[in-house]
C-alpha atoms as a PDB file:
ATOM      1  CA  MET A   1     127.799  80.471 197.826  1.00  0.00           C
ATOM      2  CA  ASN A   2     127.516  81.113 194.156  1.00  0.00           C
ATOM      3  CA  ILE A   3     126.501  78.412 191.470  1.00  0.00           C
ATOM      4  CA  THR A   4     129.877  79.163 189.777  1.00  0.00           C
ATOM      5  CA  GLN A   5     131.812  78.211 192.918  1.00  0.00           C
ATOM      6  CA  SER A   6     130.364  74.640 193.039  1.00  0.00           C
ATOM      7  CA  ILE A   7     129.838  73.563 189.342  1.00  0.00           C
ATOM      8  CA  ALA A   8     131.806  74.377 186.212  1.00  0.00           C
ATOM      9  CA  ILE A   9     129.876  74.971 182.846  1.00  0.00           C
ATOM     10  CA  VAL A  10     132.317  74.094 180.085  1.00  0.00           C
ATOM     11  CA  SER A  11     131.272  74.907 176.407  1.00  0.00           C
ATOM     12  CA  LEU A  12     132.809  72.128 174.444  1.00  0.00           C
ATOM     13  CA  VAL A  13     131.649  72.995 170.798  1.00  0.00           C
ATOM     14  CA  ARG A  14     129.438  75.821 169.217  1.00  0.00           C
ATOM     15  CA  ASP A  15     127.869  75.180 165.942  1.00  0.00           C
ATOM     16  CA  GLY A  16     129.984  71.836 165.533  1.00  0.00           C
ATOM     17  CA  ASP A  17     129.849  70.696 161.829  1.00  0.00           C
ATOM     18  CA  TYR A  18     127.623  67.595 161.968  1.00  0.00           C
ATOM     19  CA  ASN A  19     128.394  66.762 158.237  1.00  0.00           C
ATOM     20  CA  ALA A  20     132.207  66.855 158.507  1.00  0.00           C
ATOM     21  CA  GLY A  21     132.364  65.696 162.163  1.00  0.00           C
ATOM     22  CA  PHE A  22     134.456  67.098 164.869  1.00  0.00           C
ATOM     23  CA  THR A  23     136.506  66.536 168.219  1.00  0.00           C
ATOM     24  CA  ALA A  24     135.044  68.642 170.714  1.00  0.00           C
ATOM     25  CA  ASP A  25     137.334  70.616 173.293  1.00  0.00           C
ATOM     26  CA  SER A  26     138.866  68.336 175.874  1.00  0.00           C
ATOM     27  CA  PHE A  27     138.228  68.851 179.488  1.00  0.00           C
ATOM     28  CA  ASP A  28     139.873  67.916 182.842  1.00  0.00           C
ATOM     29  CA  MET A  29     137.925  65.859 185.389  1.00  0.00           C
ATOM     30  CA  SER A  30     140.998  65.731 187.928  1.00  0.00           C
ATOM     31  CA  GLN A  31     139.124  68.046 190.306  1.00  0.00           C
ATOM     32  CA  TRP A  32     135.578  66.964 189.801  1.00  0.00           C
ATOM     33  CA  ASN A  33     133.724  63.862 190.753  1.00  0.00           C
ATOM     34  CA  HIS A  34     130.633  63.997 188.275  1.00  0.00           C
ATOM     35  CA  CYS A  35     130.009  65.091 184.761  1.00  0.00           C
ATOM     36  CA  ALA A  36     126.973  65.604 182.492  1.00  0.00           C
ATOM     37  CA  ILE A  37     127.456  66.386 178.614  1.00  0.00           C
ATOM     38  CA  LEU A  38     124.583  68.122 177.052  1.00  0.00           C
ATOM     39  CA  MET A  39     124.050  68.246 173.520  1.00  0.00           C
ATOM     40  CA  ALA A  40     121.503  69.781 171.172  1.00  0.00           C
ATOM     41  CA  GLY A  41     121.327  70.184 167.300  1.00  0.00           C
ATOM     42  CA  ASP A  42     119.530  72.365 164.768  1.00  0.00           C
ATOM     43  CA  SER A  43     116.754  71.656 162.398  1.00  0.00           C
ATOM     44  CA  SER A  44     118.904  70.931 159.427  1.00  0.00           C
ATOM     45  CA  VAL A  45     120.307  67.668 160.830  1.00  0.00           C
ATOM     46  CA  ALA A  46     119.032  64.957 158.595  1.00  0.00           C
ATOM     47  CA  THR A  47     121.264  61.927 158.944  1.00  0.00           C
ATOM     48  CA  ASP A  48     121.758  59.616 162.139  1.00  0.00           C
ATOM     49  CA  SER A  49     125.420  59.585 163.546  1.00  0.00           C
ATOM     50  CA  THR A  50     127.112  58.482 166.646  1.00  0.00           C
ATOM     51  CA  MET A  51     129.215  60.042 169.420  1.00  0.00           C
ATOM     52  CA  ILE A  52     132.048  58.545 171.465  1.00  0.00           C
ATOM     53  CA  VAL A  53     133.202  60.269 174.666  1.00  0.00           C
ATOM     54  CA  TYR A  54     136.925  59.268 175.230  1.00  0.00           C
ATOM     55  CA  GLY A  55     139.081  59.290 178.214  1.00  0.00           C
ATOM     56  CA  GLY A  56     142.582  60.138 177.890  1.00  0.00           C
ATOM     57  CA  ALA A  57     145.839  60.890 179.782  1.00  0.00           C
ATOM     58  CA  THR A  58     146.159  64.267 178.091  1.00  0.00           C
ATOM     59  CA  ALA A  59     144.062  66.852 176.366  1.00  0.00           C
ATOM     60  CA  ALA A  60     142.807  65.709 173.022  1.00  0.00           C
ATOM     61  CA  ALA A  61     143.791  62.158 173.647  1.00  0.00           C
ATOM     62  CA  VAL A  62     140.977  59.785 172.361  1.00  0.00           C
ATOM     63  CA  THR A  63     142.349  56.639 174.130  1.00  0.00           C
ATOM     64  CA  ALA A  64     139.464  54.510 175.588  1.00  0.00           C
ATOM     65  CA  ALA A  65     135.789  54.990 175.237  1.00  0.00           C
ATOM     66  CA  ILE A  66     133.850  55.860 178.340  1.00  0.00           C
ATOM     67  CA  THR A  67     130.620  53.663 178.945  1.00  0.00           C
ATOM     68  CA  ALA A  68     127.809  55.813 180.316  1.00  0.00           C
ATOM     69  CA  PRO A  69     124.036  55.936 180.462  1.00  0.00           C
ATOM     70  CA  PHE A  70     122.240  58.606 178.531  1.00  0.00           C
ATOM     71  CA  ARG A  71     118.658  59.922 177.759  1.00  0.00           C
ATOM     72  CA  TRP A  72     117.017  62.376 175.616  1.00  0.00           C
ATOM     73  CA  THR A  73     114.372  65.060 176.591  1.00  0.00           C
ATOM     74  CA  ALA A  74     110.807  63.676 176.307  1.00  0.00           C
ATOM     75  CA  VAL A  75     109.666  66.555 174.035  1.00  0.00           C
ATOM     76  CA  ALA A  76     111.357  69.443 171.917  1.00  0.00           C
ATOM     77  CA  THR A  77     112.714  72.453 173.255  1.00  0.00           C
ATOM     78  CA  GLY A  78     110.071  75.247 173.172  1.00  0.00           C
ATOM     79  CA  THR A  79     107.280  72.965 174.031  1.00  0.00           C
ATOM     80  CA  THR A  80     105.500  72.283 177.339  1.00  0.00           C
ATOM     81  CA  ALA A  81     107.432  70.002 179.464  1.00  0.00           C
ATOM     82  CA  SER A  82     110.685  70.530 177.582  1.00  0.00           C
ATOM     83  CA  ASP A  83     112.500  70.089 180.778  1.00  0.00           C
ATOM     84  CA  VAL A  84     111.261  66.609 181.312  1.00  0.00           C
ATOM     85  CA  TRP A  85     113.773  63.861 180.305  1.00  0.00           C
ATOM     86  CA  GLY A  86     112.843  60.470 179.074  1.00  0.00           C
ATOM     87  CA  ALA A  87     113.966  57.218 180.646  1.00  0.00           C
ATOM     88  CA  TRP A  88     117.598  56.292 181.214  1.00  0.00           C
ATOM     89  CA  GLN A  89     118.951  54.053 178.490  1.00  0.00           C
ATOM     90  CA  THR A  90     121.386  51.388 179.089  1.00  0.00           C
ATOM     91  CA  ALA A  91     125.112  52.560 179.318  1.00  0.00           C
ATOM     92  CA  VAL A  92     126.839  52.242 176.130  1.00  0.00           C
ATOM     93  CA  ALA A  93     130.363  53.270 174.558  1.00  0.00           C
ATOM     94  CA  SER A  94     128.899  54.667 171.340  1.00  0.00           C
ATOM     95  CA  PHE A  95     125.984  56.896 171.486  1.00  0.00           C
ATOM     96  CA  THR A  96     123.577  56.951 168.618  1.00  0.00           C
ATOM     97  CA  LEU A  97     122.616  60.285 167.520  1.00  0.00           C
ATOM     98  CA  THR A  98     119.090  60.230 165.615  1.00  0.00           C
ATOM     99  CA  ALA A  99     118.663  62.971 163.267  1.00  0.00           C
ATOM    100  CA  ALA A 100     114.842  62.999 163.915  1.00  0.00           C
ATOM    101  CA  SER A 101     115.552  63.807 167.616  1.00  0.00           C
ATOM    102  CA  LEU A 102     118.296  66.464 167.029  1.00  0.00           C
ATOM    103  CA  ALA A 103     116.516  68.231 164.292  1.00  0.00           C
ATOM    104  CA  SER A 104     113.243  68.309 166.241  1.00  0.00           C
ATOM    105  CA  GLY A 105     115.026  70.046 168.920  1.00  0.00           C
ATOM    106  CA  TYR A 106     115.373  67.237 171.368  1.00  0.00           C
ATOM    107  CA  SER A 107     118.415  67.217 173.782  1.00  0.00           C
ATOM    108  CA  LEU A 108     120.816  64.543 174.916  1.00  0.00           C
ATOM    109  CA  ILE A 109     122.325  64.088 178.294  1.00  0.00           C
ATOM    110  CA  ILE A 110     125.330  61.604 178.928  1.00  0.00           C
ATOM    111  CA  GLU A 111     126.282  61.316 182.646  1.00  0.00           C
ATOM    112  CA  PHE A 112     129.258  59.746 184.358  1.00  0.00           C
ATOM    113  CA  ASP A 113     131.646  59.869 187.386  1.00  0.00           C
ATOM    114  CA  ALA A 114     135.227  60.258 187.496  1.00  0.00           C
ATOM    115  CA  SER A 115     135.525  56.762 188.721  1.00  0.00           C
ATOM    116  CA  ASP A 116     134.032  55.817 185.150  1.00  0.00           C
ATOM    117  CA  LEU A 117     137.150  57.175 183.565  1.00  0.00           C
ATOM    118  CA  ASN A 118     139.116  54.084 185.207  1.00  0.00           C
ATOM    119  CA  ILE A 119     138.859  51.982 181.890  1.00  0.00           C
ATOM    120  CA  SER A 120     140.619  48.664 181.739  1.00  0.00           C
ATOM    121  CA  GLY A 121     142.607  49.470 184.762  1.00  0.00           C
ATOM    122  CA  THR A 122     143.921  52.875 183.748  1.00  0.00           C
ATOM    123  CA  GLN A 123     142.442  56.146 185.478  1.00  0.00           C
ATOM    124  CA  TYR A 124     142.146  58.634 182.694  1.00  0.00           C
ATOM    125  CA  ARG A 125     141.879  62.469 183.588  1.00  0.00           C
ATOM    126  CA  TYR A 126     140.657  64.234 180.299  1.00  0.00           C
ATOM    127  CA  VAL A 127     137.418  63.581 178.414  1.00  0.00           C
ATOM    128  CA  THR A 128     137.122  64.317 174.732  1.00  0.00           C
ATOM    129  CA  PRO A 129     133.713  63.986 172.927  1.00  0.00           C
ATOM    130  CA  VAL A 130     134.071  62.975 169.135  1.00  0.00           C
ATOM    131  CA  ILE A 131     131.318  62.791 166.363  1.00  0.00           C
ATOM    132  CA  PRO A 132     132.399  61.386 163.157  1.00  0.00           C
ATOM    133  CA  ALA A 133     131.370  62.737 159.739  1.00  0.00           C
ATOM    134  CA  SER A 134     127.794  61.939 159.092  1.00  0.00           C
ATOM    135  CA  GLY A 135     127.262  63.346 155.466  1.00  0.00           C
ATOM    136  CA  SER A 136     124.489  65.427 156.527  1.00  0.00           C
ATOM    137  CA  ALA A 137     124.140  69.163 157.055  1.00  0.00           C
ATOM    138  CA  GLY A 138     123.644  70.643 160.399  1.00  0.00           C
ATOM    139  CA  THR A 139     125.320  71.822 163.527  1.00  0.00           C
ATOM    140  CA  VAL A 140     125.166  70.826 167.026  1.00  0.00           C
ATOM    141  CA  ASN A 141     126.264  72.502 170.314  1.00  0.00           C
ATOM    142  CA  MET A 142     127.737  70.752 173.291  1.00  0.00           C
ATOM    143  CA  TRP A 143     128.397  71.650 177.035  1.00  0.00           C
ATOM    144  CA  ALA A 144     129.917  69.821 180.053  1.00  0.00           C
ATOM    145  CA  ILE A 145     128.679  70.535 183.431  1.00  0.00           C
ATOM    146  CA  LEU A 146     131.029  69.321 186.013  1.00  0.00           C
ATOM    147  CA  THR A 147     129.638  68.838 189.575  1.00  0.00           C
ATOM    148  CA  GLU A 148     130.709  67.625 192.975  1.00  0.00           C
ATOM    149  CA  PRO A 149     134.098  69.506 193.133  1.00  0.00           C
ATOM    150  CA  ARG A 150     137.051  67.895 194.984  1.00  0.00           C
ATOM    151  CA  VAL A 151     138.003  71.397 196.400  1.00  0.00           C
ATOM    152  CA  GLN A 152     135.572  74.686 196.527  1.00  0.00           C
ATOM    153  CA  LYS A 153     137.214  77.896 195.494  1.00  0.00           C
ATOM    154  CA  ASP A 154     135.867  81.314 194.997  1.00  0.00           C
ATOM    155  CA  ILE A 155     137.455  81.168 191.360  1.00  0.00           C
ATOM    156  CA  LEU A 156     137.573  77.796 189.823  1.00  0.00           C
ATOM    157  CA  ALA A 157     140.456  76.837 187.799  1.00  0.00           C
ATOM    158  CA  THR A 158     140.194  76.070 184.126  1.00  0.00           C
ATOM    159  CA  THR A 159     139.230  72.733 182.817  1.00  0.00           C
ATOM    160  CA  VAL A 160     140.004  73.102 179.108  1.00  0.00           C
END
């Protein structure tokens, strides 16, 4: 079995404008049980901001915030042990994006299960990350890695 038959790697935003803010691409969790959202910034990010990951009934719907744990890499990309992650932080609905971490090359990961998209009694299908305007230069890149498919296929269906 190939890796692309058991996971989906979804590019959510390339060079997202940290200054103006953006809504990343939505993705469909209906065929997946687990998700990890990865984000990295560039060296020009100079202001802290936040990110909210929303669940919605349709693509691009930003209906209810997902509460999930997160963590940063322990050191910056390109340094020894850059694949080591720091401690898990308490699950939150609004993730603090620190300029010092993003500009220094640290990566952020947020993980949740499809069952976490059941918010206030409503089971949502789509996920949409949103970063508001920060008033700072810089760009960020973001990916979703979907795992634990509900059905395995040679060619997986699109999630965006």
